[in-house]
Amino acid sequence: MRAVRDDRGDIVDFELVLTNEATARMTGRAVADLIGRRVTETFPTYRPLGIFDRYRAVLETGQPDRFQVHYVGDGLESWFDIAAYPQGDSVVGTFLDITLIRQAQQV
């Protein structure tokens, strides 16, 4: 995801520049419908869940981040283990659906 910056240079969004079929299946969208789209328009829940701020911090600090989030919104309800790494002015993110693991832990 490439950072989208305002006139002051502040990160205001991220643009999806690369994704794969696994992400498309998880989100219920086609790869072609994801590429070139802004993250907060495609997944508005990123902001209230704090994912956007975590990505922004990865770019601002240059430090990778890894966290788990219960994603409820945008047609999804899943637990994800997310890893984010800085790459130039982009964030490379990986998502692992850990819903079944979390459910098994609740038993």
N, C-alpha and C. Protein backbone atom coordinates (compact mmCIF):
# COMPACT_ATOMS: atom_id res chain seq x y z
N MET A 1 0.84 -1.15 0.00
CA MET A 1 0.00 0.00 0.00
C MET A 1 0.89 1.23 0.00
N ARG A 2 0.70 2.05 -0.98
CA ARG A 2 1.49 3.28 -1.10
C ARG A 2 0.81 4.40 -0.32
N ALA A 3 1.61 5.16 0.41
CA ALA A 3 1.08 6.28 1.18
C ALA A 3 0.52 7.34 0.24
N VAL A 4 -0.63 7.88 0.60
CA VAL A 4 -1.21 9.02 -0.09
C VAL A 4 -1.06 10.19 0.88
N ARG A 5 -0.39 11.24 0.42
CA ARG A 5 -0.06 12.36 1.29
C ARG A 5 -0.78 13.64 0.85
N ASP A 6 -1.05 14.50 1.83
CA ASP A 6 -1.65 15.79 1.52
C ASP A 6 -0.54 16.79 1.19
N ASP A 7 -0.91 18.06 0.99
CA ASP A 7 0.06 19.09 0.61
C ASP A 7 1.14 19.32 1.65
N ARG A 8 0.86 19.00 2.91
CA ARG A 8 1.85 19.16 3.98
C ARG A 8 2.76 17.93 4.11
N GLY A 9 2.42 16.86 3.40
CA GLY A 9 3.21 15.64 3.48
C GLY A 9 2.68 14.64 4.49
N ASP A 10 1.54 14.95 5.11
CA ASP A 10 0.93 14.02 6.07
C ASP A 10 0.23 12.88 5.34
N ILE A 11 0.33 11.69 5.90
CA ILE A 11 -0.33 10.53 5.31
C ILE A 11 -1.83 10.63 5.59
N VAL A 12 -2.62 10.66 4.52
CA VAL A 12 -4.08 10.77 4.66
C VAL A 12 -4.80 9.51 4.22
N ASP A 13 -4.09 8.63 3.54
CA ASP A 13 -4.68 7.38 3.08
C ASP A 13 -3.56 6.49 2.54
N PHE A 14 -3.95 5.32 2.10
CA PHE A 14 -3.04 4.40 1.43
C PHE A 14 -3.74 3.88 0.19
N GLU A 15 -2.99 3.72 -0.89
CA GLU A 15 -3.52 3.18 -2.14
C GLU A 15 -3.05 1.74 -2.29
N LEU A 16 -3.98 0.86 -2.60
CA LEU A 16 -3.63 -0.54 -2.82
C LEU A 16 -2.95 -0.68 -4.18
N VAL A 17 -1.70 -1.08 -4.18
CA VAL A 17 -0.96 -1.20 -5.44
C VAL A 17 -0.69 -2.65 -5.82
N LEU A 18 -0.85 -3.55 -4.85
CA LEU A 18 -0.62 -4.96 -5.11
C LEU A 18 -1.42 -5.77 -4.11
N THR A 19 -2.04 -6.81 -4.59
CA THR A 19 -2.76 -7.74 -3.70
C THR A 19 -2.77 -9.10 -4.36
N ASN A 20 -3.36 -10.08 -3.70
CA ASN A 20 -3.39 -11.42 -4.27
C ASN A 20 -4.78 -12.03 -4.14
N GLU A 21 -4.94 -13.21 -4.70
CA GLU A 21 -6.24 -13.89 -4.70
C GLU A 21 -6.70 -14.23 -3.29
N ALA A 22 -5.77 -14.56 -2.40
CA ALA A 22 -6.15 -14.91 -1.03
C ALA A 22 -6.82 -13.71 -0.35
N THR A 23 -6.25 -12.53 -0.53
CA THR A 23 -6.85 -11.32 0.04
C THR A 23 -8.21 -11.06 -0.58
N ALA A 24 -8.30 -11.23 -1.87
CA ALA A 24 -9.58 -11.03 -2.55
C ALA A 24 -10.64 -11.98 -2.00
N ARG A 25 -10.29 -13.24 -1.80
CA ARG A 25 -11.25 -14.20 -1.23
C ARG A 25 -11.65 -13.80 0.18
N MET A 26 -10.68 -13.41 1.00
CA MET A 26 -10.98 -13.03 2.39
C MET A 26 -11.93 -11.84 2.45
N THR A 27 -11.79 -10.92 1.51
CA THR A 27 -12.59 -9.70 1.54
C THR A 27 -13.85 -9.79 0.68
N GLY A 28 -13.97 -10.86 -0.08
CA GLY A 28 -15.14 -11.01 -0.94
C GLY A 28 -15.13 -10.07 -2.14
N ARG A 29 -13.95 -9.63 -2.52
CA ARG A 29 -13.82 -8.72 -3.66
C ARG A 29 -12.85 -9.31 -4.67
N ALA A 30 -12.93 -8.85 -5.90
CA ALA A 30 -12.00 -9.29 -6.94
C ALA A 30 -10.70 -8.50 -6.84
N VAL A 31 -9.59 -9.11 -7.22
CA VAL A 31 -8.30 -8.43 -7.21
C VAL A 31 -8.39 -7.13 -8.00
N ALA A 32 -9.01 -7.19 -9.18
CA ALA A 32 -9.12 -5.99 -10.03
C ALA A 32 -9.90 -4.87 -9.35
N ASP A 33 -10.82 -5.22 -8.46
CA ASP A 33 -11.60 -4.21 -7.74
C ASP A 33 -10.82 -3.60 -6.57
N LEU A 34 -9.70 -4.19 -6.21
CA LEU A 34 -8.90 -3.69 -5.09
C LEU A 34 -7.74 -2.81 -5.55
N ILE A 35 -7.08 -3.19 -6.63
CA ILE A 35 -5.90 -2.47 -7.11
C ILE A 35 -6.27 -1.05 -7.52
N GLY A 36 -5.47 -0.10 -7.02
CA GLY A 36 -5.67 1.30 -7.37
C GLY A 36 -6.69 2.02 -6.49
N ARG A 37 -7.29 1.29 -5.57
CA ARG A 37 -8.30 1.89 -4.68
C ARG A 37 -7.65 2.38 -3.41
N ARG A 38 -8.25 3.39 -2.81
CA ARG A 38 -7.78 3.89 -1.52
C ARG A 38 -8.33 2.98 -0.42
N VAL A 39 -7.49 2.73 0.56
CA VAL A 39 -7.83 1.80 1.64
C VAL A 39 -9.05 2.27 2.42
N THR A 40 -9.08 3.56 2.80
CA THR A 40 -10.18 4.01 3.66
C THR A 40 -11.50 4.10 2.91
N GLU A 41 -11.47 4.16 1.59
CA GLU A 41 -12.71 4.12 0.81
C GLU A 41 -13.19 2.68 0.66
N THR A 42 -12.26 1.77 0.46
CA THR A 42 -12.58 0.37 0.25
C THR A 42 -12.91 -0.34 1.57
N PHE A 43 -12.15 0.01 2.61
CA PHE A 43 -12.33 -0.59 3.93
C PHE A 43 -12.44 0.51 4.99
N PRO A 44 -13.59 1.18 5.09
CA PRO A 44 -13.75 2.29 6.03
C PRO A 44 -13.48 1.90 7.49
N THR A 45 -13.61 0.63 7.81
CA THR A 45 -13.42 0.18 9.19
C THR A 45 -11.95 0.25 9.62
N TYR A 46 -11.01 0.41 8.67
CA TYR A 46 -9.59 0.53 9.01
C TYR A 46 -9.34 1.62 10.04
N ARG A 47 -10.01 2.75 9.89
CA ARG A 47 -9.77 3.88 10.81
C ARG A 47 -10.28 3.59 12.22
N PRO A 48 -11.57 3.25 12.40
CA PRO A 48 -12.04 3.04 13.77
C PRO A 48 -11.36 1.87 14.49
N LEU A 49 -10.87 0.88 13.76
CA LEU A 49 -10.18 -0.24 14.41
C LEU A 49 -8.71 0.06 14.68
N GLY A 50 -8.22 1.20 14.20
CA GLY A 50 -6.84 1.59 14.46
C GLY A 50 -5.82 1.04 13.48
N ILE A 51 -6.26 0.30 12.49
CA ILE A 51 -5.32 -0.30 11.53
C ILE A 51 -4.60 0.79 10.74
N PHE A 52 -5.34 1.80 10.31
CA PHE A 52 -4.77 2.90 9.55
C PHE A 52 -3.64 3.56 10.34
N ASP A 53 -3.90 3.85 11.61
CA ASP A 53 -2.89 4.51 12.45
C ASP A 53 -1.67 3.63 12.65
N ARG A 54 -1.86 2.33 12.73
CA ARG A 54 -0.72 1.40 12.88
C ARG A 54 0.14 1.43 11.61
N TYR A 55 -0.51 1.44 10.44
CA TYR A 55 0.23 1.51 9.18
C TYR A 55 1.00 2.82 9.07
N ARG A 56 0.33 3.91 9.42
CA ARG A 56 0.98 5.22 9.36
C ARG A 56 2.21 5.23 10.29
N ALA A 57 2.09 4.66 11.47
CA ALA A 57 3.21 4.61 12.42
C ALA A 57 4.37 3.78 11.85
N VAL A 58 4.07 2.74 11.11
CA VAL A 58 5.12 1.92 10.49
C VAL A 58 5.96 2.78 9.56
N LEU A 59 5.31 3.62 8.76
CA LEU A 59 6.07 4.49 7.85
C LEU A 59 6.78 5.61 8.60
N GLU A 60 6.13 6.17 9.59
CA GLU A 60 6.74 7.30 10.31
C GLU A 60 7.93 6.87 11.17
N THR A 61 7.89 5.67 11.72
CA THR A 61 8.98 5.21 12.58
C THR A 61 9.98 4.33 11.85
N GLY A 62 9.55 3.75 10.72
CA GLY A 62 10.41 2.81 10.01
C GLY A 62 10.47 1.45 10.68
N GLN A 63 9.62 1.23 11.68
CA GLN A 63 9.63 -0.02 12.44
C GLN A 63 8.45 -0.91 12.03
N PRO A 64 8.69 -2.20 11.80
CA PRO A 64 7.59 -3.11 11.51
C PRO A 64 6.65 -3.22 12.71
N ASP A 65 5.47 -3.72 12.46
CA ASP A 65 4.47 -3.90 13.51
C ASP A 65 3.73 -5.21 13.25
N ARG A 66 3.29 -5.84 14.32
CA ARG A 66 2.48 -7.05 14.20
C ARG A 66 1.43 -7.00 15.31
N PHE A 67 0.18 -7.27 14.94
CA PHE A 67 -0.91 -7.16 15.89
C PHE A 67 -2.09 -8.02 15.43
N GLN A 68 -2.99 -8.26 16.35
CA GLN A 68 -4.21 -8.99 16.04
C GLN A 68 -5.39 -8.04 16.19
N VAL A 69 -6.38 -8.24 15.33
CA VAL A 69 -7.55 -7.38 15.38
C VAL A 69 -8.80 -8.20 15.06
N HIS A 70 -9.86 -7.89 15.78
CA HIS A 70 -11.16 -8.47 15.48
C HIS A 70 -11.84 -7.52 14.51
N TYR A 71 -11.86 -7.88 13.25
CA TYR A 71 -12.35 -7.02 12.19
C TYR A 71 -13.83 -7.26 12.00
N VAL A 72 -14.62 -6.29 12.39
CA VAL A 72 -16.07 -6.36 12.19
C VAL A 72 -16.47 -5.12 11.41
N GLY A 73 -16.87 -5.32 10.18
CA GLY A 73 -17.27 -4.22 9.31
C GLY A 73 -16.87 -4.51 7.88
N ASP A 74 -17.36 -3.70 6.98
CA ASP A 74 -17.02 -3.82 5.56
C ASP A 74 -17.36 -5.20 5.01
N GLY A 75 -18.40 -5.83 5.56
CA GLY A 75 -18.83 -7.15 5.11
C GLY A 75 -18.01 -8.29 5.69
N LEU A 76 -17.16 -8.00 6.66
CA LEU A 76 -16.30 -9.02 7.25
C LEU A 76 -16.57 -9.14 8.74
N GLU A 77 -16.34 -10.33 9.27
CA GLU A 77 -16.25 -10.53 10.70
C GLU A 77 -15.26 -11.67 10.92
N SER A 78 -14.02 -11.29 11.17
CA SER A 78 -12.95 -12.25 11.33
C SER A 78 -11.88 -11.68 12.25
N TRP A 79 -11.12 -12.58 12.83
CA TRP A 79 -9.91 -12.21 13.56
C TRP A 79 -8.75 -12.32 12.59
N PHE A 80 -7.89 -11.30 12.57
CA PHE A 80 -6.72 -11.32 11.70
C PHE A 80 -5.45 -11.06 12.51
N ASP A 81 -4.39 -11.79 12.15
CA ASP A 81 -3.05 -11.49 12.61
C ASP A 81 -2.43 -10.69 11.47
N ILE A 82 -2.05 -9.45 11.75
CA ILE A 82 -1.57 -8.54 10.71
C ILE A 82 -0.11 -8.20 10.99
N ALA A 83 0.71 -8.29 9.97
CA ALA A 83 2.10 -7.85 10.04
C ALA A 83 2.27 -6.74 9.01
N ALA A 84 2.95 -5.67 9.40
CA ALA A 84 3.15 -4.53 8.50
C ALA A 84 4.62 -4.14 8.51
N TYR A 85 5.18 -3.94 7.32
CA TYR A 85 6.59 -3.64 7.17
C TYR A 85 6.75 -2.41 6.27
N PRO A 86 7.67 -1.50 6.63
CA PRO A 86 7.90 -0.35 5.76
C PRO A 86 8.69 -0.75 4.52
N GLN A 87 8.33 -0.17 3.40
CA GLN A 87 9.04 -0.41 2.14
C GLN A 87 9.01 0.90 1.35
N GLY A 88 10.03 1.73 1.52
CA GLY A 88 10.02 3.04 0.89
C GLY A 88 8.87 3.86 1.45
N ASP A 89 8.01 4.37 0.57
CA ASP A 89 6.84 5.13 1.01
C ASP A 89 5.59 4.26 0.98
N SER A 90 5.79 2.97 1.18
CA SER A 90 4.68 2.00 1.19
C SER A 90 4.76 1.12 2.42
N VAL A 91 3.64 0.48 2.69
CA VAL A 91 3.57 -0.52 3.75
C VAL A 91 3.22 -1.84 3.10
N VAL A 92 4.01 -2.85 3.38
CA VAL A 92 3.70 -4.20 2.94
C VAL A 92 3.00 -4.87 4.12
N GLY A 93 1.78 -5.33 3.88
CA GLY A 93 1.02 -5.95 4.95
C GLY A 93 0.65 -7.39 4.62
N THR A 94 0.69 -8.23 5.64
CA THR A 94 0.21 -9.60 5.48
C THR A 94 -0.92 -9.82 6.46
N PHE A 95 -1.89 -10.60 6.04
CA PHE A 95 -3.06 -10.90 6.86
C PHE A 95 -3.20 -12.40 6.96
N LEU A 96 -3.38 -12.88 8.16
CA LEU A 96 -3.64 -14.29 8.39
C LEU A 96 -4.96 -14.37 9.13
N ASP A 97 -5.93 -15.05 8.55
CA ASP A 97 -7.23 -15.21 9.21
C ASP A 97 -7.06 -16.24 10.32
N ILE A 98 -7.20 -15.78 11.56
CA ILE A 98 -7.01 -16.64 12.74
C ILE A 98 -8.34 -16.86 13.48
N THR A 99 -9.43 -16.67 12.77
CA THR A 99 -10.75 -16.79 13.39
C THR A 99 -10.95 -18.15 14.05
N LEU A 100 -10.63 -19.22 13.35
CA LEU A 100 -10.83 -20.56 13.91
C LEU A 100 -9.96 -20.80 15.14
N ILE A 101 -8.76 -20.27 15.12
CA ILE A 101 -7.88 -20.39 16.28
C ILE A 101 -8.47 -19.66 17.47
N ARG A 102 -8.93 -18.44 17.25
CA ARG A 102 -9.51 -17.66 18.34
C ARG A 102 -10.78 -18.33 18.89
N GLN A 103 -11.58 -18.88 17.99
CA GLN A 103 -12.79 -19.59 18.43
C GLN A 103 -12.44 -20.81 19.27
N ALA A 104 -11.42 -21.55 18.87
CA ALA A 104 -11.00 -22.74 19.61
C ALA A 104 -10.47 -22.34 20.99
N GLN A 105 -9.85 -21.19 21.11
CA GLN A 105 -9.34 -20.74 22.40
C GLN A 105 -10.46 -20.38 23.36
N GLN A 106 -11.64 -20.06 22.82
CA GLN A 106 -12.77 -19.67 23.65
C GLN A 106 -13.49 -20.86 24.26
N VAL A 107 -13.21 -22.06 23.73
CA VAL A 107 -13.90 -23.27 24.20
C VAL A 107 -13.33 -23.73 25.52
